[in-house]
Amino acid sequence: MLSIFRGACLICLCILGVAVIVAPLELVAYPIVSKSTGCSWNAGLQWFTCGDGWVGHSIAIVLNLPILFSYAQTFTLFGASAPFGREFTFLLYLFDAIFTLALTYPLLILFARKSGRRSS
């Protein structure tokens, strides 16, 4: 059971790592990305939209990863209401859980090493 939890935490850490890598790339390469993928910035919702189809939605999810983590922390820490509907609220809670599990993984590794030293 612990190995499954550790695996889930590792997957969440990888998702968070992708978001950390994508955030500066969005700032630097936004004009190139918007021309090559057809994505646009929706200033009203603070959101990237990349057209219809699964390719466009996949690109939009990757581009919106840093924004989703930012919204999730604001929503859960300050109790802000989500004006975008029930699905968006679920998404915010999901990304908050991903963030929490991602931060848990280094602690699991740290405590596993300390307990391993004591037992040997």
Protein backbone atom coordinates (compact mmCIF):
# COMPACT_ATOMS: atom_id res chain seq x y z
CA MET A 1 0.00 0.00 0.00
CA LEU A 2 2.87 2.34 0.82
CA SER A 3 4.47 1.65 -2.57
CA ILE A 4 1.23 2.64 -4.34
CA PHE A 5 1.06 5.85 -2.32
CA ARG A 6 4.73 6.56 -3.05
CA GLY A 7 4.10 5.94 -6.77
CA ALA A 8 1.13 8.34 -6.77
CA CYS A 9 3.26 10.96 -5.02
CA LEU A 10 6.02 10.49 -7.60
CA ILE A 11 3.57 10.96 -10.47
CA CYS A 12 2.27 14.14 -8.83
CA LEU A 13 5.84 15.38 -8.37
CA CYS A 14 6.46 14.83 -12.09
CA ILE A 15 3.30 16.79 -12.97
CA LEU A 16 4.43 19.63 -10.71
CA GLY A 17 7.89 19.49 -12.29
CA VAL A 18 6.38 19.89 -15.75
CA ALA A 19 4.42 22.91 -14.50
CA VAL A 20 7.59 24.48 -13.08
CA ILE A 21 9.36 23.96 -16.40
CA VAL A 22 6.45 25.20 -18.52
CA ALA A 23 5.92 28.46 -16.57
CA PRO A 24 9.16 30.23 -17.58
CA LEU A 25 8.94 28.80 -21.08
CA GLU A 26 5.49 30.35 -21.48
CA LEU A 27 6.84 33.74 -20.51
CA VAL A 28 9.79 33.57 -22.88
CA ALA A 29 8.36 31.69 -25.82
CA TYR A 30 4.69 32.75 -25.83
CA PRO A 31 4.83 34.48 -29.25
CA ILE A 32 6.44 31.40 -30.82
CA VAL A 33 4.02 28.99 -29.10
CA SER A 34 0.95 31.02 -30.03
CA LYS A 35 1.96 31.18 -33.71
CA SER A 36 2.95 27.53 -34.04
CA THR A 37 0.07 25.97 -32.09
CA GLY A 38 -2.72 28.47 -32.67
CA CYS A 39 -3.21 29.04 -28.94
CA SER A 40 -4.41 32.35 -27.59
CA TRP A 41 -4.50 33.96 -24.17
CA ASN A 42 -7.99 34.66 -22.83
CA ALA A 43 -7.42 37.70 -20.62
CA GLY A 44 -10.89 37.59 -19.10
CA LEU A 45 -10.52 34.07 -17.68
CA GLN A 46 -6.70 34.12 -17.45
CA TRP A 47 -6.60 30.95 -19.50
CA PHE A 48 -5.02 29.54 -22.68
CA THR A 49 -7.35 28.25 -25.37
CA CYS A 50 -5.97 26.14 -28.21
CA GLY A 51 -8.92 25.25 -30.39
CA ASP A 52 -11.01 22.12 -30.66
CA GLY A 53 -9.90 18.52 -30.80
CA TRP A 54 -7.83 16.39 -28.50
CA VAL A 55 -4.53 17.89 -29.67
CA GLY A 56 -5.67 21.43 -28.89
CA HIS A 57 -7.05 20.40 -25.51
CA SER A 58 -3.82 18.54 -24.65
CA ILE A 59 -1.70 21.56 -25.52
CA ALA A 60 -4.02 23.80 -23.51
CA ILE A 61 -3.76 21.55 -20.45
CA VAL A 62 0.05 21.68 -20.55
CA LEU A 63 0.07 25.44 -21.04
CA ASN A 64 -2.45 25.94 -18.23
CA LEU A 65 -0.63 23.75 -15.67
CA PRO A 66 1.09 26.65 -13.84
CA ILE A 67 -2.14 28.64 -13.83
CA LEU A 68 -4.11 25.70 -12.43
CA PHE A 69 -1.63 25.22 -9.59
CA SER A 70 -1.76 28.94 -8.85
CA TYR A 71 -5.56 29.00 -8.82
CA ALA A 72 -5.73 25.84 -6.70
CA GLN A 73 -3.52 27.28 -3.96
CA THR A 74 -5.42 30.57 -3.91
CA PHE A 75 -8.78 28.82 -3.89
CA THR A 76 -8.03 26.43 -1.04
CA LEU A 77 -5.87 28.70 1.11
CA PHE A 78 -8.04 31.80 1.01
CA GLY A 79 -11.44 30.21 0.51
CA ALA A 80 -12.13 32.09 -2.71
CA SER A 81 -15.18 31.09 -4.65
CA ALA A 82 -14.77 29.60 -8.08
CA PRO A 83 -16.91 31.60 -10.51
CA PHE A 84 -16.43 29.16 -13.36
CA GLY A 85 -18.70 26.33 -12.28
CA ARG A 86 -18.64 22.96 -10.62
CA GLU A 87 -16.17 21.34 -13.02
CA PHE A 88 -13.62 24.08 -12.47
CA THR A 89 -14.00 23.77 -8.69
CA PHE A 90 -13.34 20.02 -8.95
CA LEU A 91 -10.27 20.75 -11.07
CA LEU A 92 -8.95 23.18 -8.45
CA TYR A 93 -9.31 20.59 -5.69
CA LEU A 94 -7.63 18.00 -7.91
CA PHE A 95 -4.64 20.25 -8.55
CA ASP A 96 -4.40 21.13 -4.87
CA ALA A 97 -4.26 17.40 -4.09
CA ILE A 98 -1.59 16.93 -6.76
CA PHE A 99 0.43 19.77 -5.22
CA THR A 100 0.14 18.31 -1.73
CA LEU A 101 1.09 14.80 -2.86
CA ALA A 102 4.02 16.18 -4.85
CA LEU A 103 5.39 17.88 -1.76
CA THR A 104 4.84 14.70 0.25
CA TYR A 105 7.14 12.59 -1.96
CA PRO A 106 10.44 14.13 -0.79
CA LEU A 107 9.32 13.65 2.82
CA LEU A 108 8.55 9.98 2.15
CA ILE A 109 12.03 9.50 0.70
CA LEU A 110 13.67 11.37 3.58
CA PHE A 111 11.88 9.41 6.29
CA ALA A 112 12.40 6.09 4.50
CA ARG A 113 16.15 6.69 4.50
CA LYS A 114 16.23 7.65 8.19
CA SER A 115 14.21 4.62 9.23
CA GLY A 116 16.45 2.40 7.10
CA ARG A 117 19.57 3.67 8.87
CA ARG A 118 18.16 2.96 12.32
CA SER A 119 17.18 -0.59 11.54
CA SER A 120 20.58 -1.61 10.16
